[in-house]
Amino acid sequence: MITLNAILRAKPGQADKLAQALGQIGDYVEANEPGTVSFYVGRDTEDPLVFNTYERFVDHEAMDAHNESAYREKWGAKYGALFEGDIKRYICEEIFSK
């Protein structure tokens, strides 16, 4: 299992729009990506501009299919202006899960 954790920061005044956009991509993933085992989105309780995604994939190919999909590229072009700064990504091989 491959995991991808991404830390995102919304520009001031854009956090609610980003929350909606992340929900939209989650809906797409659920309906169209069988290789994506889970796709979680969280919002920081202390800084509401910060979001965290935790994504689980059956393998690297499934992760690449998600990250390189036409939908994700179109989503990024549409909502990329909501982000402030770089996205921090952590790609890991899962060693434990409950």
N, C-alpha and C. Protein backbone atom coordinates (compact mmCIF):
# COMPACT_ATOMS: atom_id res chain seq x y z
N MET A 1 0.85 -1.17 0.00
CA MET A 1 0.00 0.00 0.00
C MET A 1 0.90 1.24 0.00
N ILE A 2 0.55 2.20 -0.83
CA ILE A 2 1.28 3.47 -0.91
C ILE A 2 0.39 4.56 -0.34
N THR A 3 0.96 5.43 0.47
CA THR A 3 0.20 6.55 1.02
C THR A 3 0.79 7.87 0.54
N LEU A 4 -0.08 8.83 0.40
CA LEU A 4 0.33 10.19 0.06
C LEU A 4 -0.36 11.11 1.04
N ASN A 5 0.43 11.88 1.73
CA ASN A 5 -0.08 12.88 2.66
C ASN A 5 0.33 14.23 2.12
N ALA A 6 -0.65 15.12 1.97
CA ALA A 6 -0.35 16.46 1.44
C ALA A 6 -0.86 17.51 2.41
N ILE A 7 -0.03 18.51 2.66
CA ILE A 7 -0.40 19.64 3.52
C ILE A 7 -0.59 20.85 2.59
N LEU A 8 -1.78 21.43 2.64
CA LEU A 8 -2.15 22.52 1.76
C LEU A 8 -2.51 23.74 2.59
N ARG A 9 -2.21 24.91 2.10
CA ARG A 9 -2.61 26.15 2.76
C ARG A 9 -3.41 26.98 1.78
N ALA A 10 -4.59 27.40 2.23
CA ALA A 10 -5.43 28.28 1.41
C ALA A 10 -4.99 29.73 1.59
N LYS A 11 -5.19 30.51 0.56
CA LYS A 11 -4.99 31.94 0.70
C LYS A 11 -6.06 32.49 1.64
N PRO A 12 -5.76 33.56 2.37
CA PRO A 12 -6.77 34.16 3.23
C PRO A 12 -8.05 34.47 2.44
N GLY A 13 -9.17 34.10 3.02
CA GLY A 13 -10.46 34.32 2.40
C GLY A 13 -10.87 33.25 1.41
N GLN A 14 -10.02 32.25 1.19
CA GLN A 14 -10.30 31.21 0.19
C GLN A 14 -10.50 29.82 0.80
N ALA A 15 -10.44 29.70 2.12
CA ALA A 15 -10.47 28.39 2.76
C ALA A 15 -11.78 27.64 2.50
N ASP A 16 -12.91 28.30 2.56
CA ASP A 16 -14.18 27.61 2.33
C ASP A 16 -14.29 27.13 0.89
N LYS A 17 -13.81 27.92 -0.06
CA LYS A 17 -13.82 27.50 -1.46
C LYS A 17 -12.90 26.29 -1.65
N LEU A 18 -11.75 26.31 -0.99
CA LEU A 18 -10.83 25.18 -1.10
C LEU A 18 -11.44 23.94 -0.47
N ALA A 19 -12.12 24.08 0.64
CA ALA A 19 -12.79 22.94 1.28
C ALA A 19 -13.80 22.31 0.32
N GLN A 20 -14.57 23.14 -0.36
CA GLN A 20 -15.55 22.63 -1.33
C GLN A 20 -14.84 21.93 -2.49
N ALA A 21 -13.76 22.52 -2.97
CA ALA A 21 -13.03 21.94 -4.10
C ALA A 21 -12.42 20.59 -3.72
N LEU A 22 -11.91 20.47 -2.50
CA LEU A 22 -11.36 19.20 -2.05
C LEU A 22 -12.45 18.14 -1.92
N GLY A 23 -13.64 18.56 -1.52
CA GLY A 23 -14.77 17.64 -1.49
C GLY A 23 -15.13 17.15 -2.88
N GLN A 24 -15.05 18.04 -3.86
CA GLN A 24 -15.35 17.66 -5.25
C GLN A 24 -14.38 16.61 -5.78
N ILE A 25 -13.10 16.82 -5.50
CA ILE A 25 -12.14 15.83 -5.99
C ILE A 25 -12.32 14.52 -5.24
N GLY A 26 -12.68 14.59 -3.98
CA GLY A 26 -12.97 13.37 -3.22
C GLY A 26 -14.13 12.59 -3.83
N ASP A 27 -15.18 13.29 -4.22
CA ASP A 27 -16.32 12.64 -4.88
C ASP A 27 -15.88 11.97 -6.18
N TYR A 28 -15.04 12.65 -6.95
CA TYR A 28 -14.55 12.08 -8.20
C TYR A 28 -13.74 10.81 -7.93
N VAL A 29 -12.85 10.88 -6.95
CA VAL A 29 -12.00 9.73 -6.62
C VAL A 29 -12.88 8.55 -6.22
N GLU A 30 -13.86 8.79 -5.39
CA GLU A 30 -14.74 7.71 -4.93
C GLU A 30 -15.45 7.03 -6.10
N ALA A 31 -15.89 7.80 -7.08
CA ALA A 31 -16.67 7.27 -8.20
C ALA A 31 -15.81 6.68 -9.32
N ASN A 32 -14.54 7.09 -9.42
CA ASN A 32 -13.78 6.77 -10.63
C ASN A 32 -12.41 6.11 -10.44
N GLU A 33 -11.96 5.97 -9.22
CA GLU A 33 -10.60 5.46 -9.02
C GLU A 33 -10.59 4.23 -8.11
N PRO A 34 -10.81 3.05 -8.67
CA PRO A 34 -10.82 1.85 -7.84
C PRO A 34 -9.46 1.55 -7.17
N GLY A 35 -8.38 2.06 -7.74
CA GLY A 35 -7.05 1.85 -7.15
C GLY A 35 -6.75 2.77 -5.98
N THR A 36 -7.63 3.75 -5.76
CA THR A 36 -7.50 4.61 -4.59
C THR A 36 -8.35 3.99 -3.49
N VAL A 37 -7.69 3.45 -2.49
CA VAL A 37 -8.36 2.73 -1.41
C VAL A 37 -9.11 3.69 -0.50
N SER A 38 -8.49 4.82 -0.20
CA SER A 38 -9.15 5.82 0.64
C SER A 38 -8.59 7.20 0.33
N PHE A 39 -9.42 8.20 0.59
CA PHE A 39 -9.07 9.59 0.30
C PHE A 39 -9.72 10.45 1.38
N TYR A 40 -8.92 10.90 2.32
CA TYR A 40 -9.42 11.69 3.45
C TYR A 40 -8.96 13.14 3.33
N VAL A 41 -9.81 14.04 3.73
CA VAL A 41 -9.46 15.46 3.77
C VAL A 41 -9.79 15.97 5.16
N GLY A 42 -8.84 16.65 5.78
CA GLY A 42 -9.06 17.26 7.09
C GLY A 42 -8.70 18.73 7.06
N ARG A 43 -9.30 19.46 7.99
CA ARG A 43 -9.01 20.89 8.14
C ARG A 43 -8.45 21.11 9.54
N ASP A 44 -7.36 21.81 9.62
CA ASP A 44 -6.68 22.04 10.89
C ASP A 44 -7.61 22.75 11.87
N THR A 45 -7.64 22.27 13.09
CA THR A 45 -8.52 22.87 14.10
C THR A 45 -7.97 24.17 14.67
N GLU A 46 -6.67 24.42 14.51
CA GLU A 46 -6.08 25.65 15.04
C GLU A 46 -5.87 26.71 13.96
N ASP A 47 -5.67 26.27 12.73
CA ASP A 47 -5.46 27.19 11.62
C ASP A 47 -6.37 26.76 10.47
N PRO A 48 -7.54 27.37 10.33
CA PRO A 48 -8.52 26.92 9.34
C PRO A 48 -8.09 27.13 7.88
N LEU A 49 -6.93 27.73 7.66
CA LEU A 49 -6.40 27.85 6.30
C LEU A 49 -5.63 26.61 5.87
N VAL A 50 -5.33 25.72 6.82
CA VAL A 50 -4.50 24.55 6.55
C VAL A 50 -5.38 23.31 6.41
N PHE A 51 -5.10 22.56 5.33
CA PHE A 51 -5.80 21.31 5.05
C PHE A 51 -4.79 20.19 4.93
N ASN A 52 -5.25 18.99 5.22
CA ASN A 52 -4.42 17.80 5.15
C ASN A 52 -5.17 16.74 4.36
N THR A 53 -4.55 16.18 3.34
CA THR A 53 -5.14 15.02 2.68
C THR A 53 -4.31 13.80 3.02
N TYR A 54 -5.00 12.69 3.19
CA TYR A 54 -4.35 11.40 3.42
C TYR A 54 -4.97 10.43 2.43
N GLU A 55 -4.14 9.95 1.52
CA GLU A 55 -4.62 9.13 0.42
C GLU A 55 -3.90 7.79 0.43
N ARG A 56 -4.65 6.71 0.20
CA ARG A 56 -4.08 5.36 0.18
C ARG A 56 -4.36 4.74 -1.19
N PHE A 57 -3.33 4.15 -1.75
CA PHE A 57 -3.40 3.55 -3.08
C PHE A 57 -2.92 2.11 -3.03
N VAL A 58 -3.47 1.27 -3.90
CA VAL A 58 -3.05 -0.13 -3.92
C VAL A 58 -1.59 -0.28 -4.33
N ASP A 59 -1.09 0.65 -5.16
CA ASP A 59 0.31 0.60 -5.59
C ASP A 59 0.70 1.94 -6.22
N HIS A 60 1.96 2.03 -6.64
CA HIS A 60 2.45 3.28 -7.24
C HIS A 60 1.68 3.62 -8.52
N GLU A 61 1.32 2.60 -9.28
CA GLU A 61 0.60 2.85 -10.53
C GLU A 61 -0.74 3.52 -10.26
N ALA A 62 -1.44 3.09 -9.22
CA ALA A 62 -2.72 3.71 -8.87
C ALA A 62 -2.52 5.15 -8.42
N MET A 63 -1.44 5.40 -7.67
CA MET A 63 -1.15 6.77 -7.25
C MET A 63 -0.84 7.64 -8.46
N ASP A 64 -0.04 7.10 -9.38
CA ASP A 64 0.29 7.86 -10.59
C ASP A 64 -0.96 8.12 -11.43
N ALA A 65 -1.85 7.13 -11.52
CA ALA A 65 -3.09 7.31 -12.27
C ALA A 65 -3.92 8.43 -11.67
N HIS A 66 -3.95 8.52 -10.35
CA HIS A 66 -4.67 9.62 -9.69
C HIS A 66 -3.99 10.95 -9.97
N ASN A 67 -2.70 11.02 -9.69
CA ASN A 67 -1.97 12.29 -9.79
C ASN A 67 -1.85 12.81 -11.22
N GLU A 68 -1.88 11.91 -12.19
CA GLU A 68 -1.70 12.31 -13.58
C GLU A 68 -3.00 12.30 -14.38
N SER A 69 -4.12 12.13 -13.71
CA SER A 69 -5.40 12.05 -14.42
C SER A 69 -5.77 13.40 -15.03
N ALA A 70 -6.51 13.36 -16.11
CA ALA A 70 -6.98 14.58 -16.75
C ALA A 70 -7.87 15.37 -15.80
N TYR A 71 -8.68 14.65 -15.00
CA TYR A 71 -9.55 15.34 -14.05
C TYR A 71 -8.71 16.13 -13.04
N ARG A 72 -7.68 15.51 -12.49
CA ARG A 72 -6.85 16.19 -11.49
C ARG A 72 -6.15 17.39 -12.10
N GLU A 73 -5.66 17.26 -13.32
CA GLU A 73 -5.01 18.39 -13.98
C GLU A 73 -6.00 19.54 -14.19
N LYS A 74 -7.20 19.21 -14.63
CA LYS A 74 -8.23 20.22 -14.83
C LYS A 74 -8.62 20.85 -13.48
N TRP A 75 -8.73 20.02 -12.45
CA TRP A 75 -9.05 20.50 -11.11
C TRP A 75 -7.97 21.47 -10.63
N GLY A 76 -6.71 21.10 -10.81
CA GLY A 76 -5.60 21.96 -10.39
C GLY A 76 -5.59 23.30 -11.11
N ALA A 77 -5.89 23.27 -12.39
CA ALA A 77 -5.94 24.52 -13.16
C ALA A 77 -7.07 25.42 -12.67
N LYS A 78 -8.19 24.80 -12.31
CA LYS A 78 -9.36 25.57 -11.87
C LYS A 78 -9.20 26.13 -10.46
N TYR A 79 -8.59 25.34 -9.57
CA TYR A 79 -8.54 25.73 -8.15
C TYR A 79 -7.14 26.09 -7.64
N GLY A 80 -6.13 26.01 -8.47
CA GLY A 80 -4.77 26.29 -8.03
C GLY A 80 -4.58 27.68 -7.44
N ALA A 81 -5.37 28.65 -7.88
CA ALA A 81 -5.24 30.01 -7.37
C ALA A 81 -5.70 30.14 -5.92
N LEU A 82 -6.36 29.12 -5.38
CA LEU A 82 -6.81 29.17 -3.99
C LEU A 82 -5.69 28.86 -3.00
N PHE A 83 -4.60 28.26 -3.50
CA PHE A 83 -3.50 27.82 -2.64
C PHE A 83 -2.51 28.93 -2.37
N GLU A 84 -1.96 28.91 -1.17
CA GLU A 84 -0.86 29.82 -0.83
C GLU A 84 0.39 28.98 -0.60
N GLY A 85 1.44 29.30 -1.30
CA GLY A 85 2.70 28.58 -1.14
C GLY A 85 2.67 27.19 -1.76
N ASP A 86 3.73 26.46 -1.50
CA ASP A 86 3.88 25.13 -2.05
C ASP A 86 3.10 24.11 -1.23
N ILE A 87 2.68 23.05 -1.91
CA ILE A 87 2.06 21.92 -1.23
C ILE A 87 3.18 21.01 -0.75
N LYS A 88 3.11 20.61 0.51
CA LYS A 88 4.09 19.66 1.05
C LYS A 88 3.51 18.27 0.90
N ARG A 89 4.27 17.39 0.24
CA ARG A 89 3.82 16.02 0.00
C ARG A 89 4.76 15.02 0.65
N TYR A 90 4.17 13.98 1.18
CA TYR A 90 4.92 12.87 1.75
C TYR A 90 4.37 11.59 1.14
N ILE A 91 5.19 10.87 0.39
CA ILE A 91 4.80 9.61 -0.21
C ILE A 91 5.51 8.51 0.57
N CYS A 92 4.74 7.55 1.03
CA CYS A 92 5.29 6.50 1.91
C CYS A 92 4.80 5.12 1.51
N GLU A 93 5.58 4.11 1.87
CA GLU A 93 5.10 2.75 1.84
C GLU A 93 4.50 2.48 3.20
N GLU A 94 3.25 2.08 3.20
CA GLU A 94 2.55 1.86 4.47
C GLU A 94 3.14 0.66 5.18
N ILE A 95 3.43 0.81 6.46
CA ILE A 95 3.99 -0.30 7.24
C ILE A 95 3.03 -0.82 8.31
N PHE A 96 1.98 -0.05 8.59
CA PHE A 96 0.98 -0.50 9.56
C PHE A 96 -0.33 0.22 9.28
N SER A 97 -1.41 -0.51 9.47
CA SER A 97 -2.74 0.07 9.29
C SER A 97 -3.72 -0.66 10.21
N LYS A 98 -4.68 0.06 10.71
CA LYS A 98 -5.72 -0.56 11.53
C LYS A 98 -7.06 -0.23 10.96
